[in-house]
Amino acid sequence: MAIVFKQVVDADRPMLADWLTRPHVTAAGWDRTLLDDLESFGVAVAPYIAYEDDEPVGYVQSYAAAAAGNGWWPDERDPGVRGMDLFLADESRLGKGLGTRIVQAFADFLFSDPAVTKLQIDPSPTNARAIRVYEKAGFHAVGTVMTPDGEALLMTRAR
């Protein structure tokens, strides 16, 4: 089953609002502020809906780490480093390989841009499931870092 990404449009907002109320999504730190943030992101963050065939199955976003601002990645100078964040829409799909397929497909999608030099993601150090997904998708732990959201495990994947 193919994973494709379509940029978030206004028609996606009700679906995202529903997803953002789901316990597994809120437990991962996502909340309704994402809907407000979508309007202010501009080109700083690229938000997408992940589809498996024609079914929307998750949210994923990328951003230029060096331009993130607000205390995120202040030491990053490489304009080609992209950060990414994501969640799956349905808790019943967790632990079945979908997250790994989305991360792998999104990494390939981002690396199709020759300006992208490296990818990074920053799960909670206690989120063993997410860490394993990212490892399966080729990410390697760099170490723990402090972010505006608290301690995180910085993981990267080179081109």
N, C-alpha and C. Protein backbone atom coordinates (compact mmCIF):
# COMPACT_ATOMS: atom_id res chain seq x y z
N MET A 1 0.84 -1.19 0.00
CA MET A 1 0.00 0.00 0.00
C MET A 1 0.88 1.24 0.00
N ALA A 2 0.60 2.14 -0.88
CA ALA A 2 1.43 3.32 -1.07
C ALA A 2 1.08 4.40 -0.05
N ILE A 3 2.12 5.07 0.43
CA ILE A 3 1.95 6.23 1.30
C ILE A 3 2.23 7.47 0.46
N VAL A 4 1.30 8.41 0.46
CA VAL A 4 1.49 9.68 -0.23
C VAL A 4 1.16 10.81 0.74
N PHE A 5 1.64 12.00 0.41
CA PHE A 5 1.46 13.17 1.26
C PHE A 5 0.80 14.28 0.46
N LYS A 6 -0.21 14.88 1.07
CA LYS A 6 -0.88 16.02 0.45
C LYS A 6 -0.86 17.16 1.45
N GLN A 7 -0.52 18.35 0.97
CA GLN A 7 -0.47 19.51 1.86
C GLN A 7 -1.83 19.73 2.50
N VAL A 8 -1.79 20.15 3.75
CA VAL A 8 -3.03 20.43 4.49
C VAL A 8 -3.74 21.61 3.82
N VAL A 9 -5.05 21.47 3.63
CA VAL A 9 -5.89 22.54 3.10
C VAL A 9 -7.02 22.79 4.10
N ASP A 10 -7.74 23.89 3.91
CA ASP A 10 -8.81 24.25 4.85
C ASP A 10 -9.82 23.12 5.04
N ALA A 11 -10.10 22.36 4.01
CA ALA A 11 -11.06 21.27 4.11
C ALA A 11 -10.60 20.17 5.07
N ASP A 12 -9.30 20.14 5.39
CA ASP A 12 -8.76 19.13 6.32
C ASP A 12 -8.96 19.52 7.78
N ARG A 13 -9.29 20.78 8.05
CA ARG A 13 -9.35 21.27 9.43
C ARG A 13 -10.32 20.48 10.32
N PRO A 14 -11.54 20.16 9.88
CA PRO A 14 -12.43 19.39 10.76
C PRO A 14 -11.86 18.00 11.10
N MET A 15 -11.26 17.35 10.12
CA MET A 15 -10.64 16.05 10.36
C MET A 15 -9.50 16.18 11.36
N LEU A 16 -8.63 17.19 11.16
CA LEU A 16 -7.53 17.41 12.10
C LEU A 16 -8.05 17.74 13.50
N ALA A 17 -9.11 18.54 13.58
CA ALA A 17 -9.69 18.88 14.89
C ALA A 17 -10.14 17.61 15.61
N ASP A 18 -10.74 16.68 14.88
CA ASP A 18 -11.13 15.40 15.48
C ASP A 18 -9.91 14.62 15.93
N TRP A 19 -8.92 14.49 15.05
CA TRP A 19 -7.72 13.74 15.40
C TRP A 19 -7.06 14.30 16.66
N LEU A 20 -7.05 15.63 16.79
CA LEU A 20 -6.36 16.28 17.91
C LEU A 20 -7.07 16.10 19.25
N THR A 21 -8.24 15.49 19.25
CA THR A 21 -8.94 15.19 20.51
C THR A 21 -8.72 13.74 20.95
N ARG A 22 -8.09 12.95 20.14
CA ARG A 22 -7.92 11.53 20.44
C ARG A 22 -6.86 11.34 21.53
N PRO A 23 -7.15 10.49 22.52
CA PRO A 23 -6.24 10.35 23.67
C PRO A 23 -4.79 10.02 23.30
N HIS A 24 -4.56 9.15 22.32
CA HIS A 24 -3.18 8.81 21.98
C HIS A 24 -2.45 9.98 21.34
N VAL A 25 -3.18 10.89 20.71
CA VAL A 25 -2.57 12.08 20.09
C VAL A 25 -2.26 13.12 21.16
N THR A 26 -3.22 13.37 22.06
CA THR A 26 -2.97 14.36 23.12
C THR A 26 -1.89 13.85 24.08
N ALA A 27 -1.84 12.54 24.30
CA ALA A 27 -0.79 11.98 25.18
C ALA A 27 0.60 12.21 24.61
N ALA A 28 0.67 12.34 23.28
CA ALA A 28 1.96 12.58 22.62
C ALA A 28 2.30 14.07 22.57
N GLY A 29 1.46 14.91 23.17
CA GLY A 29 1.77 16.33 23.26
C GLY A 29 1.13 17.22 22.21
N TRP A 30 0.31 16.65 21.34
CA TRP A 30 -0.36 17.45 20.32
C TRP A 30 -1.66 17.99 20.89
N ASP A 31 -2.05 19.18 20.47
CA ASP A 31 -3.33 19.74 20.91
C ASP A 31 -3.90 20.65 19.83
N ARG A 32 -5.05 21.24 20.13
CA ARG A 32 -5.77 22.05 19.14
C ARG A 32 -5.00 23.30 18.71
N THR A 33 -3.95 23.67 19.43
CA THR A 33 -3.18 24.84 18.99
C THR A 33 -2.57 24.61 17.61
N LEU A 34 -2.43 23.34 17.21
CA LEU A 34 -1.92 23.06 15.86
C LEU A 34 -2.80 23.74 14.82
N LEU A 35 -4.12 23.74 15.03
CA LEU A 35 -5.02 24.35 14.05
C LEU A 35 -4.77 25.85 13.94
N ASP A 36 -4.51 26.52 15.06
CA ASP A 36 -4.17 27.94 15.01
C ASP A 36 -2.80 28.15 14.37
N ASP A 37 -1.87 27.26 14.70
CA ASP A 37 -0.51 27.38 14.16
C ASP A 37 -0.48 27.22 12.65
N LEU A 38 -1.37 26.41 12.10
CA LEU A 38 -1.38 26.21 10.65
C LEU A 38 -1.50 27.52 9.90
N GLU A 39 -2.27 28.46 10.45
CA GLU A 39 -2.43 29.75 9.79
C GLU A 39 -1.20 30.63 9.90
N SER A 40 -0.42 30.45 10.96
CA SER A 40 0.74 31.31 11.16
C SER A 40 2.04 30.68 10.65
N PHE A 41 2.01 29.41 10.27
CA PHE A 41 3.23 28.73 9.83
C PHE A 41 3.86 29.40 8.61
N GLY A 42 3.03 29.82 7.65
CA GLY A 42 3.59 30.35 6.42
C GLY A 42 4.45 29.29 5.77
N VAL A 43 5.64 29.66 5.35
CA VAL A 43 6.54 28.69 4.74
C VAL A 43 7.47 28.05 5.77
N ALA A 44 7.39 28.47 7.04
CA ALA A 44 8.29 27.95 8.06
C ALA A 44 8.06 26.46 8.31
N VAL A 45 6.81 26.03 8.28
CA VAL A 45 6.46 24.63 8.50
C VAL A 45 5.60 24.17 7.33
N ALA A 46 5.91 23.00 6.82
CA ALA A 46 5.13 22.43 5.72
C ALA A 46 4.28 21.29 6.29
N PRO A 47 2.95 21.51 6.44
CA PRO A 47 2.07 20.49 7.02
C PRO A 47 1.43 19.61 5.95
N TYR A 48 1.36 18.31 6.22
CA TYR A 48 0.81 17.35 5.28
C TYR A 48 -0.12 16.36 5.98
N ILE A 49 -1.06 15.83 5.22
CA ILE A 49 -1.82 14.67 5.63
C ILE A 49 -1.19 13.48 4.92
N ALA A 50 -0.92 12.42 5.68
CA ALA A 50 -0.40 11.18 5.10
C ALA A 50 -1.59 10.30 4.74
N TYR A 51 -1.54 9.77 3.53
CA TYR A 51 -2.58 8.87 3.04
C TYR A 51 -1.97 7.51 2.75
N GLU A 52 -2.70 6.48 3.14
CA GLU A 52 -2.35 5.14 2.71
C GLU A 52 -3.40 4.77 1.67
N ASP A 53 -2.97 4.67 0.45
CA ASP A 53 -3.88 4.59 -0.69
C ASP A 53 -4.75 5.85 -0.64
N ASP A 54 -6.04 5.77 -0.50
CA ASP A 54 -6.86 6.98 -0.47
C ASP A 54 -7.35 7.33 0.93
N GLU A 55 -6.87 6.63 1.95
CA GLU A 55 -7.34 6.85 3.31
C GLU A 55 -6.38 7.77 4.08
N PRO A 56 -6.91 8.87 4.67
CA PRO A 56 -6.04 9.71 5.51
C PRO A 56 -5.71 8.97 6.80
N VAL A 57 -4.41 8.84 7.08
CA VAL A 57 -3.99 8.02 8.22
C VAL A 57 -3.13 8.76 9.23
N GLY A 58 -2.72 9.99 8.93
CA GLY A 58 -1.88 10.70 9.89
C GLY A 58 -1.52 12.10 9.44
N TYR A 59 -0.89 12.80 10.35
CA TYR A 59 -0.41 14.15 10.12
C TYR A 59 1.11 14.11 10.19
N VAL A 60 1.77 14.84 9.31
CA VAL A 60 3.23 14.95 9.33
C VAL A 60 3.60 16.35 8.88
N GLN A 61 4.67 16.89 9.48
CA GLN A 61 5.13 18.23 9.10
C GLN A 61 6.64 18.24 9.06
N SER A 62 7.16 19.14 8.24
CA SER A 62 8.60 19.36 8.19
C SER A 62 8.88 20.84 8.32
N TYR A 63 10.10 21.15 8.71
CA TYR A 63 10.51 22.55 8.88
C TYR A 63 12.03 22.63 8.76
N ALA A 64 12.51 23.80 8.38
CA ALA A 64 13.95 24.04 8.34
C ALA A 64 14.41 24.27 9.77
N ALA A 65 15.22 23.36 10.29
CA ALA A 65 15.63 23.42 11.70
C ALA A 65 16.35 24.73 12.03
N ALA A 66 17.20 25.20 11.14
CA ALA A 66 17.96 26.42 11.41
C ALA A 66 17.08 27.66 11.50
N ALA A 67 15.88 27.59 10.94
CA ALA A 67 14.98 28.74 10.93
C ALA A 67 13.81 28.56 11.90
N ALA A 68 13.86 27.54 12.75
CA ALA A 68 12.71 27.22 13.59
C ALA A 68 12.37 28.32 14.59
N GLY A 69 13.37 28.94 15.20
CA GLY A 69 13.12 30.02 16.15
C GLY A 69 12.45 29.54 17.43
N ASN A 70 12.05 30.48 18.26
CA ASN A 70 11.36 30.21 19.53
C ASN A 70 12.10 29.22 20.42
N GLY A 71 13.42 29.24 20.39
CA GLY A 71 14.22 28.37 21.24
C GLY A 71 14.49 27.00 20.68
N TRP A 72 13.99 26.73 19.48
CA TRP A 72 14.21 25.43 18.86
C TRP A 72 15.48 25.46 18.03
N TRP A 73 16.39 24.57 18.30
CA TRP A 73 17.60 24.32 17.52
C TRP A 73 18.45 25.59 17.30
N PRO A 74 18.76 26.33 18.37
CA PRO A 74 19.51 27.59 18.20
C PRO A 74 20.93 27.41 17.67
N ASP A 75 21.49 26.21 17.81
CA ASP A 75 22.86 25.98 17.34
C ASP A 75 22.93 25.44 15.92
N GLU A 76 21.78 25.17 15.32
CA GLU A 76 21.78 24.61 13.97
C GLU A 76 22.06 25.73 12.95
N ARG A 77 23.05 25.53 12.10
CA ARG A 77 23.41 26.53 11.10
C ARG A 77 23.20 26.04 9.67
N ASP A 78 23.08 24.73 9.49
CA ASP A 78 22.94 24.15 8.16
C ASP A 78 21.50 24.38 7.66
N PRO A 79 21.32 25.18 6.61
CA PRO A 79 19.97 25.45 6.11
C PRO A 79 19.30 24.24 5.48
N GLY A 80 20.05 23.16 5.28
CA GLY A 80 19.49 21.96 4.65
C GLY A 80 18.93 20.94 5.63
N VAL A 81 19.07 21.20 6.94
CA VAL A 81 18.54 20.26 7.94
C VAL A 81 17.05 20.48 8.09
N ARG A 82 16.29 19.39 7.96
CA ARG A 82 14.84 19.45 8.12
C ARG A 82 14.43 18.67 9.36
N GLY A 83 13.62 19.31 10.18
CA GLY A 83 13.00 18.62 11.29
C GLY A 83 11.67 18.06 10.84
N MET A 84 11.21 17.05 11.53
CA MET A 84 9.91 16.49 11.21
C MET A 84 9.20 16.04 12.48
N ASP A 85 7.87 16.10 12.43
CA ASP A 85 7.00 15.69 13.52
C ASP A 85 5.81 14.98 12.89
N LEU A 86 5.21 14.06 13.62
CA LEU A 86 4.06 13.36 13.07
C LEU A 86 3.25 12.68 14.16
N PHE A 87 2.02 12.31 13.78
CA PHE A 87 1.22 11.41 14.60
C PHE A 87 0.29 10.62 13.69
N LEU A 88 -0.09 9.45 14.15
CA LEU A 88 -1.06 8.62 13.43
C LEU A 88 -2.45 8.98 13.91
N ALA A 89 -3.41 8.93 13.01
CA ALA A 89 -4.77 9.33 13.34
C ALA A 89 -5.48 8.32 14.24
N ASP A 90 -5.29 7.04 13.99
CA ASP A 90 -6.04 6.02 14.70
C ASP A 90 -5.15 5.18 15.60
N GLU A 91 -5.52 5.14 16.87
CA GLU A 91 -4.75 4.36 17.85
C GLU A 91 -4.69 2.88 17.46
N SER A 92 -5.73 2.39 16.80
CA SER A 92 -5.76 0.98 16.41
C SER A 92 -4.68 0.64 15.39
N ARG A 93 -4.09 1.65 14.77
CA ARG A 93 -3.04 1.42 13.76
C ARG A 93 -1.63 1.44 14.37
N LEU A 94 -1.53 1.79 15.66
CA LEU A 94 -0.22 1.81 16.31
C LEU A 94 0.32 0.39 16.43
N GLY A 95 1.64 0.26 16.29
CA GLY A 95 2.28 -1.03 16.47
C GLY A 95 2.11 -1.99 15.31
N LYS A 96 1.67 -1.50 14.16
CA LYS A 96 1.43 -2.37 13.02
C LYS A 96 2.28 -2.01 11.80
N GLY A 97 3.29 -1.15 11.99
CA GLY A 97 4.20 -0.82 10.90
C GLY A 97 3.83 0.42 10.10
N LEU A 98 2.64 0.97 10.33
CA LEU A 98 2.24 2.15 9.56
C LEU A 98 3.15 3.34 9.84
N GLY A 99 3.47 3.59 11.11
CA GLY A 99 4.33 4.71 11.46
C GLY A 99 5.69 4.61 10.77
N THR A 100 6.25 3.43 10.77
CA THR A 100 7.55 3.23 10.11
C THR A 100 7.44 3.52 8.62
N ARG A 101 6.38 3.02 7.98
CA ARG A 101 6.21 3.27 6.55
C ARG A 101 6.04 4.76 6.26
N ILE A 102 5.28 5.46 7.13
CA ILE A 102 5.10 6.91 6.92
C ILE A 102 6.44 7.64 7.08
N VAL A 103 7.19 7.32 8.13
CA VAL A 103 8.47 8.00 8.36
C VAL A 103 9.43 7.71 7.21
N GLN A 104 9.50 6.47 6.76
CA GLN A 104 10.39 6.14 5.64
C GLN A 104 9.97 6.88 4.37
N ALA A 105 8.67 6.88 4.08
CA ALA A 105 8.18 7.55 2.87
C ALA A 105 8.39 9.06 2.95
N PHE A 106 8.18 9.64 4.14
CA PHE A 106 8.35 11.09 4.28
C PHE A 106 9.83 11.46 4.18
N ALA A 107 10.70 10.62 4.73
CA ALA A 107 12.14 10.87 4.59
C ALA A 107 12.54 10.84 3.12
N ASP A 108 12.05 9.86 2.38
CA ASP A 108 12.33 9.80 0.94
C ASP A 108 11.79 11.03 0.23
N PHE A 109 10.59 11.44 0.60
CA PHE A 109 9.95 12.64 0.03
C PHE A 109 10.82 13.87 0.28
N LEU A 110 11.28 14.04 1.53
CA LEU A 110 12.10 15.21 1.86
C LEU A 110 13.46 15.15 1.16
N PHE A 111 14.06 13.97 1.10
CA PHE A 111 15.37 13.83 0.45
C PHE A 111 15.27 13.95 -1.08
N SER A 112 14.08 13.96 -1.63
CA SER A 112 13.97 14.20 -3.07
C SER A 112 14.36 15.63 -3.42
N ASP A 113 14.40 16.50 -2.42
CA ASP A 113 14.90 17.87 -2.59
C ASP A 113 16.41 17.84 -2.36
N PRO A 114 17.23 18.12 -3.37
CA PRO A 114 18.68 18.04 -3.21
C PRO A 114 19.24 19.02 -2.18
N ALA A 115 18.48 20.03 -1.79
CA ALA A 115 18.96 20.98 -0.79
C ALA A 115 18.89 20.41 0.63
N VAL A 116 18.14 19.33 0.82
CA VAL A 116 18.00 18.73 2.15
C VAL A 116 19.22 17.86 2.42
N THR A 117 19.93 18.17 3.51
CA THR A 117 21.17 17.48 3.85
C THR A 117 21.01 16.43 4.94
N LYS A 118 20.06 16.67 5.84
CA LYS A 118 19.89 15.77 6.99
C LYS A 118 18.49 15.95 7.54
N LEU A 119 17.96 14.90 8.16
CA LEU A 119 16.66 14.97 8.81
C LEU A 119 16.85 14.77 10.31
N GLN A 120 15.98 15.39 11.08
CA GLN A 120 16.04 15.18 12.52
C GLN A 120 14.63 15.09 13.09
N ILE A 121 14.54 14.39 14.20
CA ILE A 121 13.27 14.23 14.90
C ILE A 121 13.60 14.17 16.38
N ASP A 122 12.66 14.52 17.24
CA ASP A 122 12.98 14.67 18.65
C ASP A 122 11.91 14.08 19.57
N PRO A 123 11.80 12.74 19.61
CA PRO A 123 10.81 12.13 20.49
C PRO A 123 11.18 12.28 21.97
N SER A 124 10.20 12.09 22.82
CA SER A 124 10.47 12.02 24.25
C SER A 124 11.40 10.82 24.49
N PRO A 125 12.38 10.96 25.38
CA PRO A 125 13.27 9.84 25.65
C PRO A 125 12.55 8.63 26.24
N THR A 126 11.33 8.83 26.73
CA THR A 126 10.56 7.73 27.31
C THR A 126 9.60 7.09 26.30
N ASN A 127 9.54 7.60 25.08
CA ASN A 127 8.62 7.08 24.07
C ASN A 127 9.32 5.99 23.26
N ALA A 128 9.43 4.82 23.86
CA ALA A 128 10.17 3.71 23.25
C ALA A 128 9.58 3.31 21.90
N ARG A 129 8.26 3.36 21.77
CA ARG A 129 7.62 2.96 20.51
C ARG A 129 8.07 3.89 19.38
N ALA A 130 8.01 5.20 19.61
CA ALA A 130 8.41 6.15 18.58
C ALA A 130 9.89 6.00 18.25
N ILE A 131 10.71 5.85 19.26
CA ILE A 131 12.16 5.71 19.03
C ILE A 131 12.44 4.50 18.15
N ARG A 132 11.75 3.41 18.41
CA ARG A 132 11.95 2.19 17.60
C ARG A 132 11.50 2.43 16.16
N VAL A 133 10.38 3.12 15.97
CA VAL A 133 9.91 3.46 14.61
C VAL A 133 10.99 4.24 13.87
N TYR A 134 11.53 5.26 14.52
CA TYR A 134 12.53 6.11 13.87
C TYR A 134 13.81 5.33 13.58
N GLU A 135 14.20 4.43 14.49
CA GLU A 135 15.37 3.60 14.22
C GLU A 135 15.13 2.71 13.00
N LYS A 136 13.95 2.11 12.91
CA LYS A 136 13.63 1.26 11.75
C LYS A 136 13.67 2.07 10.45
N ALA A 137 13.37 3.37 10.54
CA ALA A 137 13.36 4.24 9.36
C ALA A 137 14.73 4.87 9.10
N GLY A 138 15.77 4.41 9.81
CA GLY A 138 17.13 4.86 9.52
C GLY A 138 17.66 6.01 10.37
N PHE A 139 16.92 6.42 11.38
CA PHE A 139 17.38 7.48 12.28
C PHE A 139 18.27 6.89 13.36
N HIS A 140 19.24 7.69 13.82
CA HIS A 140 20.16 7.27 14.87
C HIS A 140 20.14 8.30 15.99
N ALA A 141 20.18 7.82 17.22
CA ALA A 141 20.18 8.71 18.38
C ALA A 141 21.49 9.47 18.45
N VAL A 142 21.37 10.80 18.63
CA VAL A 142 22.53 11.67 18.82
C VAL A 142 22.75 11.89 20.31
N GLY A 143 21.66 12.06 21.04
CA GLY A 143 21.72 12.28 22.48
C GLY A 143 20.52 13.09 22.94
N THR A 144 20.40 13.22 24.26
CA THR A 144 19.29 13.99 24.79
C THR A 144 19.61 15.49 24.71
N VAL A 145 18.56 16.26 24.47
CA VAL A 145 18.67 17.71 24.37
C VAL A 145 17.49 18.33 25.12
N MET A 146 17.65 19.56 25.51
CA MET A 146 16.54 20.30 26.10
C MET A 146 15.89 21.13 25.00
N THR A 147 14.58 21.03 24.89
CA THR A 147 13.82 21.80 23.92
C THR A 147 12.80 22.65 24.67
N PRO A 148 12.13 23.57 23.99
CA PRO A 148 11.07 24.33 24.66
C PRO A 148 9.97 23.44 25.24
N ASP A 149 9.84 22.21 24.72
CA ASP A 149 8.84 21.27 25.25
C ASP A 149 9.41 20.34 26.32
N GLY A 150 10.68 20.50 26.67
CA GLY A 150 11.31 19.63 27.66
C GLY A 150 12.38 18.76 27.04
N GLU A 151 12.80 17.76 27.80
CA GLU A 151 13.87 16.88 27.34
C GLU A 151 13.39 16.03 26.16
N ALA A 152 14.28 15.86 25.19
CA ALA A 152 13.97 15.08 23.99
C ALA A 152 15.21 14.29 23.60
N LEU A 153 14.98 13.24 22.84
CA LEU A 153 16.09 12.48 22.27
C LEU A 153 16.23 12.95 20.82
N LEU A 154 17.33 13.63 20.54
CA LEU A 154 17.58 14.08 19.16
C LEU A 154 18.05 12.88 18.35
N MET A 155 17.34 12.64 17.24
CA MET A 155 17.68 11.56 16.33
C MET A 155 17.83 12.14 14.93
N THR A 156 18.82 11.65 14.18
CA THR A 156 19.06 12.19 12.84
C THR A 156 19.20 11.06 11.83
N ARG A 157 18.99 11.44 10.59
CA ARG A 157 19.20 10.54 9.45
C ARG A 157 19.88 11.35 8.37
N ALA A 158 21.05 10.88 7.95
CA ALA A 158 21.79 11.57 6.89
C ALA A 158 21.27 11.11 5.53
N ARG A 159 21.54 11.93 4.55
CA ARG A 159 21.13 11.63 3.17
C ARG A 159 21.70 10.29 2.74
